[in-house]
C-alpha atoms as a PDB file:
ATOM      1  CA  MET A   1      52.420  30.515-114.135  1.00  0.00           C
ATOM      2  CA  ALA A   2      51.083  27.187-112.935  1.00  0.00           C
ATOM      3  CA  SER A   3      47.837  25.232-113.032  1.00  0.00           C
ATOM      4  CA  LEU A   4      45.689  25.683-109.955  1.00  0.00           C
ATOM      5  CA  LEU A   5      45.467  22.995-107.317  1.00  0.00           C
ATOM      6  CA  LEU A   6      41.815  23.225-106.306  1.00  0.00           C
ATOM      7  CA  GLY A   7      41.365  22.386-102.642  1.00  0.00           C
ATOM      8  CA  ASP A   8      45.036  22.904-101.845  1.00  0.00           C
ATOM      9  CA  TYR A   9      47.596  25.629-101.269  1.00  0.00           C
ATOM     10  CA  ASN A  10      48.972  27.515-104.267  1.00  0.00           C
ATOM     11  CA  ASP A  11      51.824  30.006-104.650  1.00  0.00           C
ATOM     12  CA  LEU A  12      50.453  32.657-107.028  1.00  0.00           C
ATOM     13  CA  GLU A  13      51.630  35.995-108.338  1.00  0.00           C
ATOM     14  CA  VAL A  14      49.668  39.183-107.683  1.00  0.00           C
ATOM     15  CA  ALA A  15      48.578  40.478-111.112  1.00  0.00           C
ATOM     16  CA  ARG A  16      46.664  43.630-110.171  1.00  0.00           C
ATOM     17  CA  GLU A  17      45.071  45.563-107.348  1.00  0.00           C
ATOM     18  CA  THR A  18      41.378  46.506-107.257  1.00  0.00           C
ATOM     19  CA  SER A  19      39.001  48.060-104.759  1.00  0.00           C
ATOM     20  CA  ILE A  20      37.714  44.605-103.744  1.00  0.00           C
ATOM     21  CA  GLY A  21      41.058  42.872-103.392  1.00  0.00           C
ATOM     22  CA  LEU A  22      43.963  41.468-105.363  1.00  0.00           C
ATOM     23  CA  TYR A  23      43.702  39.396-108.525  1.00  0.00           C
ATOM     24  CA  LEU A  24      46.149  36.513-108.692  1.00  0.00           C
ATOM     25  CA  THR A  25      47.275  34.942-111.955  1.00  0.00           C
ATOM     26  CA  SER A  26      47.454  31.274-112.987  1.00  0.00           C
ATOM     27  CA  ASP A  27      47.212  29.062-116.074  1.00  0.00           C
ATOM     28  CA  ASP A  28      43.517  28.626-115.248  1.00  0.00           C
ATOM     29  CA  GLY A  29      42.832  32.360-115.291  1.00  0.00           C
ATOM     30  CA  ASP A  30      42.901  35.128-112.710  1.00  0.00           C
ATOM     31  CA  LEU A  31      41.154  34.723-109.385  1.00  0.00           C
ATOM     32  CA  LEU A  32      40.309  37.078-106.554  1.00  0.00           C
ATOM     33  CA  LEU A  33      41.929  37.268-103.146  1.00  0.00           C
ATOM     34  CA  PRO A  34      39.294  39.385-101.319  1.00  0.00           C
ATOM     35  CA  GLU A  35      40.509  42.522 -99.584  1.00  0.00           C
ATOM     36  CA  LYS A  36      39.870  41.109 -96.091  1.00  0.00           C
ATOM     37  CA  TYR A  37      42.419  38.342 -96.758  1.00  0.00           C
ATOM     38  CA  VAL A  38      45.152  40.619 -98.122  1.00  0.00           C
ATOM     39  CA  GLU A  39      48.126  41.029 -95.796  1.00  0.00           C
ATOM     40  CA  ALA A  40      49.385  44.564 -95.325  1.00  0.00           C
ATOM     41  CA  GLY A  41      52.190  45.516 -97.693  1.00  0.00           C
ATOM     42  CA  THR A  42      51.311  43.008-100.428  1.00  0.00           C
ATOM     43  CA  ARG A  43      51.973  44.490-103.895  1.00  0.00           C
ATOM     44  CA  VAL A  44      51.682  43.628-107.588  1.00  0.00           C
ATOM     45  CA  GLY A  45      54.405  41.114-108.495  1.00  0.00           C
ATOM     46  CA  ASP A  46      54.520  39.508-105.039  1.00  0.00           C
ATOM     47  CA  ILE A  47      54.055  35.744-104.667  1.00  0.00           C
ATOM     48  CA  VAL A  48      51.419  34.831-102.087  1.00  0.00           C
ATOM     49  CA  ARG A  49      50.481  31.426-100.665  1.00  0.00           C
ATOM     50  CA  VAL A  50      46.716  30.889-100.710  1.00  0.00           C
ATOM     51  CA  PHE A  51      44.127  28.143-100.463  1.00  0.00           C
ATOM     52  CA  VAL A  52      41.930  27.888-103.591  1.00  0.00           C
ATOM     53  CA  TYR A  53      38.326  26.664-103.744  1.00  0.00           C
ATOM     54  CA  ARG A  54      34.944  27.650-105.218  1.00  0.00           C
ATOM     55  CA  ASP A  55      32.674  30.141-103.475  1.00  0.00           C
ATOM     56  CA  SER A  56      28.876  29.954-103.160  1.00  0.00           C
ATOM     57  CA  GLU A  57      28.530  31.355-106.699  1.00  0.00           C
ATOM     58  CA  ASP A  58      30.863  28.694-108.136  1.00  0.00           C
ATOM     59  CA  ARG A  59      33.707  31.145-108.729  1.00  0.00           C
ATOM     60  CA  LEU A  60      37.324  30.270-108.029  1.00  0.00           C
ATOM     61  CA  ILE A  61      38.379  32.168-104.933  1.00  0.00           C
ATOM     62  CA  ALA A  62      41.589  32.474-102.908  1.00  0.00           C
ATOM     63  CA  THR A  63      41.923  32.836 -99.141  1.00  0.00           C
ATOM     64  CA  ASN A  64      44.653  32.889 -96.521  1.00  0.00           C
ATOM     65  CA  LEU A  65      42.391  31.032 -94.084  1.00  0.00           C
ATOM     66  CA  ARG A  66      43.592  27.539 -93.214  1.00  0.00           C
ATOM     67  CA  PRO A  67      40.954  24.844 -93.825  1.00  0.00           C
ATOM     68  CA  LEU A  68      40.677  21.793 -91.584  1.00  0.00           C
ATOM     69  CA  ALA A  69      41.128  19.488 -94.590  1.00  0.00           C
ATOM     70  CA  LEU A  70      42.766  19.571 -98.020  1.00  0.00           C
ATOM     71  CA  VAL A  71      41.711  17.757-101.177  1.00  0.00           C
ATOM     72  CA  ASN A  72      42.533  14.019-101.180  1.00  0.00           C
ATOM     73  CA  SER A  73      42.843  13.846 -97.404  1.00  0.00           C
ATOM     74  CA  TYR A  74      40.954  12.572 -94.361  1.00  0.00           C
ATOM     75  CA  ALA A  75      39.545  14.654 -91.509  1.00  0.00           C
ATOM     76  CA  GLY A  76      37.114  14.679 -88.608  1.00  0.00           C
ATOM     77  CA  LEU A  77      34.602  17.512 -89.188  1.00  0.00           C
ATOM     78  CA  MET A  78      31.412  18.751 -87.536  1.00  0.00           C
ATOM     79  CA  VAL A  79      28.003  18.730 -89.227  1.00  0.00           C
ATOM     80  CA  LYS A  80      26.940  22.375 -89.280  1.00  0.00           C
ATOM     81  CA  ASP A  81      23.695  22.297 -91.280  1.00  0.00           C
ATOM     82  CA  HIS A  82      21.550  20.376 -93.750  1.00  0.00           C
ATOM     83  CA  GLY A  83      20.259  21.279 -97.208  1.00  0.00           C
ATOM     84  CA  PRO A  84      18.539  19.790-100.272  1.00  0.00           C
ATOM     85  CA  ALA A  85      21.836  18.344-101.553  1.00  0.00           C
ATOM     86  CA  GLY A  86      23.113  16.906 -98.270  1.00  0.00           C
ATOM     87  CA  ALA A  87      24.862  17.974 -95.084  1.00  0.00           C
ATOM     88  CA  PHE A  88      27.248  20.878 -94.707  1.00  0.00           C
ATOM     89  CA  LEU A  89      30.447  20.502 -92.700  1.00  0.00           C
ATOM     90  CA  GLU A  90      32.373  23.165 -90.813  1.00  0.00           C
ATOM     91  CA  TRP A  91      35.944  23.182 -92.161  1.00  0.00           C
ATOM     92  CA  GLY A  92      37.268  26.628 -91.312  1.00  0.00           C
ATOM     93  CA  LEU A  93      36.200  28.539 -94.433  1.00  0.00           C
ATOM     94  CA  GLU A  94      33.308  30.907 -95.132  1.00  0.00           C
ATOM     95  CA  LYS A  95      31.664  28.394 -97.430  1.00  0.00           C
ATOM     96  CA  ASP A  96      30.909  25.080 -95.707  1.00  0.00           C
ATOM     97  CA  LEU A  97      31.959  21.751 -97.234  1.00  0.00           C
ATOM     98  CA  LEU A  98      29.177  19.704 -98.848  1.00  0.00           C
ATOM     99  CA  LEU A  99      28.671  16.084 -97.807  1.00  0.00           C
ATOM    100  CA  PRO A 100      26.209  14.849-100.477  1.00  0.00           C
ATOM    101  CA  PHE A 101      23.454  12.411 -99.522  1.00  0.00           C
ATOM    102  CA  ARG A 102      24.992   9.791-101.821  1.00  0.00           C
ATOM    103  CA  ASN A 103      28.213   9.940 -99.784  1.00  0.00           C
ATOM    104  CA  GLN A 104      26.515   9.389 -96.416  1.00  0.00           C
ATOM    105  CA  ARG A 105      26.294   5.986 -94.766  1.00  0.00           C
ATOM    106  CA  ARG A 106      23.427   7.053 -92.487  1.00  0.00           C
ATOM    107  CA  ASP A 107      21.396  10.075 -91.411  1.00  0.00           C
ATOM    108  CA  LEU A 108      23.506  12.682 -89.643  1.00  0.00           C
ATOM    109  CA  ARG A 109      22.660  15.057 -86.800  1.00  0.00           C
ATOM    110  CA  THR A 110      23.611  18.725 -86.648  1.00  0.00           C
ATOM    111  CA  GLY A 111      26.558  19.113 -84.270  1.00  0.00           C
ATOM    112  CA  GLU A 112      27.723  15.532 -84.833  1.00  0.00           C
ATOM    113  CA  ARG A 113      31.392  14.900 -85.653  1.00  0.00           C
ATOM    114  CA  VAL A 114      32.006  12.681 -88.686  1.00  0.00           C
ATOM    115  CA  PHE A 115      35.081  11.198 -90.306  1.00  0.00           C
ATOM    116  CA  VAL A 116      35.327  11.962 -94.020  1.00  0.00           C
ATOM    117  CA  TYR A 117      37.518  11.890 -97.083  1.00  0.00           C
ATOM    118  CA  VAL A 118      37.662  15.124 -99.101  1.00  0.00           C
ATOM    119  CA  TYR A 119      37.961  14.910-102.888  1.00  0.00           C
ATOM    120  CA  LEU A 120      37.248  16.839-106.078  1.00  0.00           C
ATOM    121  CA  ASP A 121      33.979  15.745-107.685  1.00  0.00           C
ATOM    122  CA  GLU A 122      34.702  15.446-111.427  1.00  0.00           C
ATOM    123  CA  GLU A 123      31.130  16.175-112.519  1.00  0.00           C
ATOM    124  CA  SER A 124      30.696  19.435-110.611  1.00  0.00           C
ATOM    125  CA  ASP A 125      34.393  20.381-110.235  1.00  0.00           C
ATOM    126  CA  ARG A 126      33.571  21.079-106.572  1.00  0.00           C
ATOM    127  CA  LEU A 127      35.180  19.867-103.389  1.00  0.00           C
ATOM    128  CA  VAL A 128      32.957  17.400-101.532  1.00  0.00           C
ATOM    129  CA  ALA A 129      33.257  15.027 -98.585  1.00  0.00           C
ATOM    130  CA  SER A 130      32.371  11.354 -98.126  1.00  0.00           C
ATOM    131  CA  THR A 131      31.851   9.301 -94.980  1.00  0.00           C
ATOM    132  CA  LYS A 132      32.471   6.198 -97.132  1.00  0.00           C
ATOM    133  CA  TRP A 133      36.163   6.699 -96.484  1.00  0.00           C
ATOM    134  CA  LYS A 134      37.194   3.059 -96.879  1.00  0.00           C
ATOM    135  CA  GLN A 135      36.785   3.219-100.655  1.00  0.00           C
ATOM    136  CA  PHE A 136      39.641   5.725-100.788  1.00  0.00           C
ATOM    137  CA  ILE A 137      42.152   3.537 -98.918  1.00  0.00           C
ATOM    138  CA  SER A 138      45.278   2.655-100.894  1.00  0.00           C
ATOM    139  CA  ASN A 139      45.489  -0.895-102.245  1.00  0.00           C
ATOM    140  CA  GLU A 140      49.249  -0.692-102.661  1.00  0.00           C
ATOM    141  CA  PRO A 141      51.401  -2.788-100.291  1.00  0.00           C
ATOM    142  CA  PHE A 142      52.407  -0.744 -97.256  1.00  0.00           C
ATOM    143  CA  ARG A 143      56.078   0.148 -97.252  1.00  0.00           C
ATOM    144  CA  GLY A 144      57.168  -0.321 -93.685  1.00  0.00           C
ATOM    145  CA  GLU A 145      58.525  -2.769 -91.154  1.00  0.00           C
ATOM    146  CA  PRO A 146      57.338  -3.622 -87.619  1.00  0.00           C
ATOM    147  CA  GLY A 147      58.701  -1.030 -85.218  1.00  0.00           C
ATOM    148  CA  ASP A 148      58.643   1.801 -87.770  1.00  0.00           C
ATOM    149  CA  ALA A 149      57.267   5.130 -86.551  1.00  0.00           C
ATOM    150  CA  VAL A 150      53.990   6.084 -88.271  1.00  0.00           C
ATOM    151  CA  SER A 151      51.460   8.896 -88.151  1.00  0.00           C
ATOM    152  CA  ILE A 152      47.866   7.883 -87.488  1.00  0.00           C
ATOM    153  CA  MET A 153      44.415   9.477 -87.638  1.00  0.00           C
ATOM    154  CA  VAL A 154      41.404   8.086 -85.773  1.00  0.00           C
ATOM    155  CA  ALA A 155      38.647   7.088 -88.217  1.00  0.00           C
ATOM    156  CA  ASP A 156      36.124   5.138 -86.116  1.00  0.00           C
ATOM    157  CA  GLU A 157      35.615   3.091 -82.952  1.00  0.00           C
ATOM    158  CA  THR A 158      34.563  -0.577 -82.807  1.00  0.00           C
ATOM    159  CA  GLU A 159      34.467  -3.343 -80.208  1.00  0.00           C
ATOM    160  CA  LEU A 160      38.067  -4.266 -81.074  1.00  0.00           C
ATOM    161  CA  GLY A 161      39.506  -0.768 -81.020  1.00  0.00           C
ATOM    162  CA  TYR A 162      39.964   2.249 -83.249  1.00  0.00           C
ATOM    163  CA  PRO A 163      40.157   1.867 -87.036  1.00  0.00           C
ATOM    164  CA  ILE A 164      42.789   4.371 -88.158  1.00  0.00           C
ATOM    165  CA  ILE A 165      44.405   5.875 -91.237  1.00  0.00           C
ATOM    166  CA  VAL A 166      48.155   5.217 -91.265  1.00  0.00           C
ATOM    167  CA  ASN A 167      50.472   7.740 -92.941  1.00  0.00           C
ATOM    168  CA  GLY A 168      47.459   9.232 -94.715  1.00  0.00           C
ATOM    169  CA  THR A 169      47.026   6.262 -97.068  1.00  0.00           C
ATOM    170  CA  HIS A 170      46.407   2.860 -95.443  1.00  0.00           C
ATOM    171  CA  GLN A 171      43.896   1.411 -93.000  1.00  0.00           C
ATOM    172  CA  GLY A 172      45.021   0.110 -89.644  1.00  0.00           C
ATOM    173  CA  LEU A 173      43.747  -0.774 -86.184  1.00  0.00           C
ATOM    174  CA  LEU A 174      44.676   0.531 -82.763  1.00  0.00           C
ATOM    175  CA  PHE A 175      43.453  -2.017 -80.186  1.00  0.00           C
ATOM    176  CA  HIS A 176      41.625  -0.796 -77.086  1.00  0.00           C
ATOM    177  CA  ASN A 177      44.345  -2.146 -74.788  1.00  0.00           C
ATOM    178  CA  GLU A 178      46.824   0.218 -76.467  1.00  0.00           C
ATOM    179  CA  VAL A 179      44.745   3.288 -75.594  1.00  0.00           C
ATOM    180  CA  PHE A 180      44.475   4.926 -72.188  1.00  0.00           C
ATOM    181  CA  ARG A 181      42.123   7.847 -72.835  1.00  0.00           C
ATOM    182  CA  PRO A 182      39.155   8.568 -75.116  1.00  0.00           C
ATOM    183  CA  LEU A 183      40.096   9.412 -78.699  1.00  0.00           C
ATOM    184  CA  ARG A 184      38.008  11.513 -81.062  1.00  0.00           C
ATOM    185  CA  LEU A 185      37.394  11.187 -84.786  1.00  0.00           C
ATOM    186  CA  GLY A 186      40.093  12.878 -86.809  1.00  0.00           C
ATOM    187  CA  GLU A 187      42.549  13.044 -83.902  1.00  0.00           C
ATOM    188  CA  GLN A 188      46.152  12.715 -85.061  1.00  0.00           C
ATOM    189  CA  LEU A 189      48.728  10.728 -83.092  1.00  0.00           C
ATOM    190  CA  SER A 190      52.155   9.196 -83.474  1.00  0.00           C
ATOM    191  CA  GLY A 191      52.524   5.429 -83.241  1.00  0.00           C
ATOM    192  CA  PHE A 192      54.582   2.411 -84.211  1.00  0.00           C
ATOM    193  CA  LEU A 193      53.799  -0.320 -86.720  1.00  0.00           C
ATOM    194  CA  ARG A 194      53.123  -3.598 -84.941  1.00  0.00           C
ATOM    195  CA  GLN A 195      52.466  -5.855 -87.918  1.00  0.00           C
ATOM    196  CA  VAL A 196      51.189  -5.976 -91.488  1.00  0.00           C
ATOM    197  CA  ARG A 197      48.342  -8.484 -91.618  1.00  0.00           C
ATOM    198  CA  ALA A 198      47.679 -10.932 -94.466  1.00  0.00           C
ATOM    199  CA  ASP A 199      44.780  -8.768 -95.665  1.00  0.00           C
ATOM    200  CA  GLY A 200      47.115  -5.776 -95.961  1.00  0.00           C
ATOM    201  CA  LYS A 201      45.693  -3.937 -92.966  1.00  0.00           C
ATOM    202  CA  LEU A 202      48.021  -2.705 -90.270  1.00  0.00           C
ATOM    203  CA  ASP A 203      48.157  -3.196 -86.511  1.00  0.00           C
ATOM    204  CA  VAL A 204      49.606  -0.180 -84.735  1.00  0.00           C
ATOM    205  CA  ARG A 205      50.595   0.566 -81.156  1.00  0.00           C
ATOM    206  CA  LEU A 206      51.218   3.919 -79.492  1.00  0.00           C
ATOM    207  CA  GLN A 207      54.480   2.941 -77.806  1.00  0.00           C
ATOM    208  CA  LYS A 208      57.583   0.999 -78.801  1.00  0.00           C
ATOM    209  CA  GLU A 209      57.881  -2.636 -77.825  1.00  0.00           C
ATOM    210  CA  GLY A 210      60.556  -4.197 -75.621  1.00  0.00           C
ATOM    211  CA  TYR A 211      63.370  -2.503 -73.760  1.00  0.00           C
ATOM    212  CA  GLY A 212      63.482   0.366 -76.254  1.00  0.00           C
ATOM    213  CA  GLU A 213      60.002   1.333 -75.114  1.00  0.00           C
ATOM    214  CA  VAL A 214      61.037   1.667 -71.445  1.00  0.00           C
ATOM    215  CA  GLU A 215      64.266   3.426 -72.365  1.00  0.00           C
ATOM    216  CA  SER A 216      62.369   5.954 -74.475  1.00  0.00           C
ATOM    217  CA  ALA A 217      59.721   6.419 -71.770  1.00  0.00           C
ATOM    218  CA  THR A 218      62.401   6.975 -69.122  1.00  0.00           C
ATOM    219  CA  ASP A 219      63.946   9.755 -71.181  1.00  0.00           C
ATOM    220  CA  THR A 220      60.502  11.299 -71.815  1.00  0.00           C
ATOM    221  CA  LEU A 221      59.599  11.155 -68.127  1.00  0.00           C
ATOM    222  CA  LEU A 222      62.885  12.724 -67.007  1.00  0.00           C
ATOM    223  CA  LYS A 223      62.411  15.629 -69.422  1.00  0.00           C
ATOM    224  CA  ALA A 224      58.852  16.130 -68.142  1.00  0.00           C
ATOM    225  CA  ILE A 225      60.070  16.226 -64.528  1.00  0.00           C
ATOM    226  CA  GLN A 226      62.870  18.656 -65.394  1.00  0.00           C
ATOM    227  CA  ALA A 227      60.374  20.926 -67.157  1.00  0.00           C
ATOM    228  CA  ALA A 228      57.850  20.838 -64.285  1.00  0.00           C
ATOM    229  CA  PRO A 229      57.711  23.853 -61.914  1.00  0.00           C
ATOM    230  CA  GLY A 230      60.246  23.318 -59.148  1.00  0.00           C
ATOM    231  CA  GLY A 231      61.146  19.929 -60.647  1.00  0.00           C
ATOM    232  CA  ARG A 232      57.988  18.439 -59.145  1.00  0.00           C
ATOM    233  CA  LEU A 233      55.756  16.492 -61.542  1.00  0.00           C
ATOM    234  CA  PRO A 234      52.283  15.756 -60.084  1.00  0.00           C
ATOM    235  CA  LEU A 235      52.370  12.098 -61.113  1.00  0.00           C
ATOM    236  CA  GLY A 236      53.251   9.129 -58.941  1.00  0.00           C
ATOM    237  CA  ASP A 237      52.595   5.461 -58.311  1.00  0.00           C
ATOM    238  CA  LYS A 238      49.025   6.199 -57.119  1.00  0.00           C
ATOM    239  CA  SER A 239      48.091   8.495 -60.028  1.00  0.00           C
ATOM    240  CA  LEU A 240      45.251   7.526 -62.344  1.00  0.00           C
ATOM    241  CA  ALA A 241      46.187   5.950 -65.679  1.00  0.00           C
ATOM    242  CA  GLU A 242      44.227   8.672 -67.504  1.00  0.00           C
ATOM    243  CA  ASP A 243      46.265  11.408 -65.798  1.00  0.00           C
ATOM    244  CA  VAL A 244      49.519   9.639 -66.619  1.00  0.00           C
ATOM    245  CA  TYR A 245      48.632   9.348 -70.294  1.00  0.00           C
ATOM    246  CA  ARG A 246      47.370  12.924 -70.522  1.00  0.00           C
ATOM    247  CA  ARG A 247      50.562  14.371 -69.052  1.00  0.00           C
ATOM    248  CA  VAL A 248      53.320  12.160 -70.435  1.00  0.00           C
ATOM    249  CA  GLY A 249      51.653  10.072 -73.184  1.00  0.00           C
ATOM    250  CA  MET A 250      52.386   6.602 -71.820  1.00  0.00           C
ATOM    251  CA  SER A 251      50.499   3.771 -70.127  1.00  0.00           C
ATOM    252  CA  LYS A 252      50.519   3.404 -66.349  1.00  0.00           C
ATOM    253  CA  LYS A 253      52.496   0.163 -66.735  1.00  0.00           C
ATOM    254  CA  VAL A 254      55.252   1.790 -68.790  1.00  0.00           C
ATOM    255  CA  PHE A 255      55.206   4.866 -66.525  1.00  0.00           C
ATOM    256  CA  LYS A 256      55.911   2.719 -63.451  1.00  0.00           C
ATOM    257  CA  LYS A 257      58.812   1.003 -65.225  1.00  0.00           C
ATOM    258  CA  ALA A 258      60.287   4.369 -66.224  1.00  0.00           C
ATOM    259  CA  LEU A 259      59.728   5.708 -62.719  1.00  0.00           C
ATOM    260  CA  GLY A 260      61.567   2.732 -61.245  1.00  0.00           C
ATOM    261  CA  ALA A 261      64.466   3.247 -63.642  1.00  0.00           C
ATOM    262  CA  LEU A 262      64.838   6.913 -62.635  1.00  0.00           C
ATOM    263  CA  PHE A 263      64.643   5.995 -58.941  1.00  0.00           C
ATOM    264  CA  ARG A 264      67.329   3.312 -59.275  1.00  0.00           C
ATOM    265  CA  GLN A 265      69.548   5.854 -61.005  1.00  0.00           C
ATOM    266  CA  GLY A 266      69.110   8.154 -58.005  1.00  0.00           C
ATOM    267  CA  LEU A 267      67.591  10.940 -60.088  1.00  0.00           C
ATOM    268  CA  VAL A 268      64.212  11.328 -58.374  1.00  0.00           C
ATOM    269  CA  LEU A 269      62.368  11.170 -55.059  1.00  0.00           C
ATOM    270  CA  LEU A 270      59.040   9.351 -55.070  1.00  0.00           C
ATOM    271  CA  GLU A 271      55.763  10.485 -53.514  1.00  0.00           C
ATOM    272  CA  PRO A 272      52.412   8.691 -53.854  1.00  0.00           C
ATOM    273  CA  GLU A 273      51.102  11.243 -56.356  1.00  0.00           C
ATOM    274  CA  ALA A 274      54.200  13.177 -57.364  1.00  0.00           C
ATOM    275  CA  THR A 275      57.762  12.690 -58.564  1.00  0.00           C
ATOM    276  CA  VAL A 276      60.463  15.179 -57.534  1.00  0.00           C
ATOM    277  CA  LEU A 277      63.808  15.823 -59.215  1.00  0.00           C
ATOM    278  CA  LYS A 278      66.611  14.985 -56.767  1.00  0.00           C
END
């Protein structure tokens, strides 16, 4: 047996069957996997992977539903309702996630999307969210070099660009001139480290710099054309930058360079708003 990871996935053994579901065993006691979450054919002795949290009556409960956020992680979630203790966020489970008043930076509207950090409140032993996400950023030096591939999550939008979470731990910035379509809170993207600033924050770009960027984009574009119906991709020199980014994930500038490279190689025919495999 193992100690439960509250707010995370656990691999637990089925201890017994009941009319209301299966009881799973752990070092922290048995907990219920309600009947509606039991997969057909599951028996006593089987190991099942479940998410563990507390239900509305403060009981430990297991589910095979996949929440939109795990403990000690960031996410963009929608405000579903309000109550005496704070706001409630929709996160994919029957019981909504509490965002206490003390963890809010301002008043929130129902239906609004907010960026939060999810953690286990030590006093209540409950999972809660906080919009004061900056206090959870790692203070450790970032281990990475310019040009390294990174994963990013959009945390906010400012005049300069989009504050982001890099690799789930550090704060960074994605400048507006690196972005070619609207981004939403919590959206996850791939990027490349541009620089580590003196204050420890990171500058990130969505595409590689230098020749490697064009080379990579050329390969991406060729694959997109080959995969298009009839080898005809509805993107060309006159296409809108937003359409280019939506379809192939690159800026109009880089797209035109990649397009030119494919044309010089004799691989494609060019139309104003389409590219055709030769």
